[in-house]
Structure formats: C-alpha cells, structure tokens
C-alpha cells in the first residue's frame, strides 16, 4: 500500500469518523498526549490507526 502522505489532519479524522473537525483536533491532542509527543510534532496515519484500533488500509482509503 502506498500512502500519499504520512501525517493525519483533523479534516481526515472528520471524514473517517463523521464527527466534527473540532472533534478531530481534540482527538489529535489526545493522541499526542498518549504518545508523549510535543505540540509541534505530527501524528502519523499509523499512530492514529493504532490508537483507534483501525487497520491502516481502512484509514488510508479516506486520505485524499
């Protein structure tokens, strides 16, 4: 599987979950806290999938 990019953004999370973009921002902050990342660091698609219990291929299908 070839991904077009490595990082995930709130708009991607909105498409995946059907929730608001604000929910996506909050979820990314929660993931960063869980992983011990700093504010300026990105969350990868792989980290998002692992945290949410999803398959990377399922997540990648929603990434434009």
C-alpha atoms as a PDB file:
ATOM      1  CA  UNK A   1       0.000   0.000   0.000  1.00  0.00           C
ATOM      2  CA  UNK A   2       1.369   3.403  -0.966  1.00  0.00           C
ATOM      3  CA  UNK A   3       0.192   6.408   1.033  1.00  0.00           C
ATOM      4  CA  UNK A   4       0.090   9.879  -0.485  1.00  0.00           C
ATOM      5  CA  UNK A   5       1.280  11.361   2.833  1.00  0.00           C
ATOM      6  CA  UNK A   6       2.327  10.306   6.287  1.00  0.00           C
ATOM      7  CA  UNK A   7       0.543  12.757   8.603  1.00  0.00           C
ATOM      8  CA  UNK A   8      -3.131  12.874   9.501  1.00  0.00           C
ATOM      9  CA  UNK A   9      -5.120  16.072   9.940  1.00  0.00           C
ATOM     10  CA  UNK A  10      -8.413  16.963  11.657  1.00  0.00           C
ATOM     11  CA  UNK A  11     -10.243  17.095   8.309  1.00  0.00           C
ATOM     12  CA  UNK A  12      -9.163  13.494   7.629  1.00  0.00           C
ATOM     13  CA  UNK A  13     -10.494  12.419  11.025  1.00  0.00           C
ATOM     14  CA  UNK A  14     -13.761  14.207  10.235  1.00  0.00           C
ATOM     15  CA  UNK A  15     -14.106  12.155   7.036  1.00  0.00           C
ATOM     16  CA  UNK A  16     -13.241   8.895   8.816  1.00  0.00           C
ATOM     17  CA  UNK A  17     -15.461   9.309  11.885  1.00  0.00           C
ATOM     18  CA  UNK A  18     -18.253  11.510  10.570  1.00  0.00           C
ATOM     19  CA  UNK A  19     -17.720  13.779  13.565  1.00  0.00           C
ATOM     20  CA  UNK A  20     -16.817  17.484  13.574  1.00  0.00           C
ATOM     21  CA  UNK A  21     -13.432  18.945  12.719  1.00  0.00           C
ATOM     22  CA  UNK A  22     -13.216  20.170  16.319  1.00  0.00           C
ATOM     23  CA  UNK A  23     -13.513  16.535  17.449  1.00  0.00           C
ATOM     24  CA  UNK A  24     -10.632  15.725  15.086  1.00  0.00           C
ATOM     25  CA  UNK A  25      -8.444  18.412  16.669  1.00  0.00           C
ATOM     26  CA  UNK A  26      -9.257  17.145  20.162  1.00  0.00           C
ATOM     27  CA  UNK A  27      -8.540  13.545  19.179  1.00  0.00           C
ATOM     28  CA  UNK A  28      -5.161  14.540  17.739  1.00  0.00           C
ATOM     29  CA  UNK A  29      -4.314  16.315  21.005  1.00  0.00           C
ATOM     30  CA  UNK A  30      -5.335  13.210  22.961  1.00  0.00           C
ATOM     31  CA  UNK A  31      -3.157  11.009  20.741  1.00  0.00           C
ATOM     32  CA  UNK A  32      -0.167  13.349  21.160  1.00  0.00           C
ATOM     33  CA  UNK A  33      -0.606  13.264  24.925  1.00  0.00           C
ATOM     34  CA  UNK A  34      -0.891   9.449  24.898  1.00  0.00           C
ATOM     35  CA  UNK A  35       2.247   9.107  22.753  1.00  0.00           C
ATOM     36  CA  UNK A  36       4.221  11.753  24.635  1.00  0.00           C
ATOM     37  CA  UNK A  37       4.583  13.978  21.588  1.00  0.00           C
ATOM     38  CA  UNK A  38       5.158  17.703  21.767  1.00  0.00           C
ATOM     39  CA  UNK A  39       2.737  20.292  20.379  1.00  0.00           C
ATOM     40  CA  UNK A  40       4.729  20.890  17.182  1.00  0.00           C
ATOM     41  CA  UNK A  41       5.045  17.189  16.300  1.00  0.00           C
ATOM     42  CA  UNK A  42       2.731  15.453  13.832  1.00  0.00           C
ATOM     43  CA  UNK A  43       0.624  12.328  14.317  1.00  0.00           C
ATOM     44  CA  UNK A  44       1.135   9.721  11.615  1.00  0.00           C
ATOM     45  CA  UNK A  45      -1.571   7.699   9.932  1.00  0.00           C
ATOM     46  CA  UNK A  46      -0.040   4.584  11.526  1.00  0.00           C
ATOM     47  CA  UNK A  47      -0.182   6.099  15.042  1.00  0.00           C
ATOM     48  CA  UNK A  48      -3.792   7.207  14.504  1.00  0.00           C
ATOM     49  CA  UNK A  49      -4.820   3.749  13.291  1.00  0.00           C
ATOM     50  CA  UNK A  50      -3.088   2.050  16.232  1.00  0.00           C
ATOM     51  CA  UNK A  51      -4.696   4.406  18.781  1.00  0.00           C
ATOM     52  CA  UNK A  52      -8.184   4.000  17.314  1.00  0.00           C
ATOM     53  CA  UNK A  53      -7.925   0.258  16.747  1.00  0.00           C
ATOM     54  CA  UNK A  54      -8.307   0.524  12.983  1.00  0.00           C
ATOM     55  CA  UNK A  55      -6.422  -1.069  10.115  1.00  0.00           C
ATOM     56  CA  UNK A  56      -4.041   1.270   8.293  1.00  0.00           C
ATOM     57  CA  UNK A  57      -5.599   0.245   4.966  1.00  0.00           C
ATOM     58  CA  UNK A  58      -9.036   1.330   6.210  1.00  0.00           C
ATOM     59  CA  UNK A  59      -7.694   4.721   7.263  1.00  0.00           C
ATOM     60  CA  UNK A  60      -5.699   5.170   4.053  1.00  0.00           C
ATOM     61  CA  UNK A  61      -8.873   4.752   1.998  1.00  0.00           C
ATOM     62  CA  UNK A  62     -10.154   8.062   3.422  1.00  0.00           C
ATOM     63  CA  UNK A  63      -6.922  10.023   2.962  1.00  0.00           C
ATOM     64  CA  UNK A  64      -7.028  12.271  -0.107  1.00  0.00           C
END
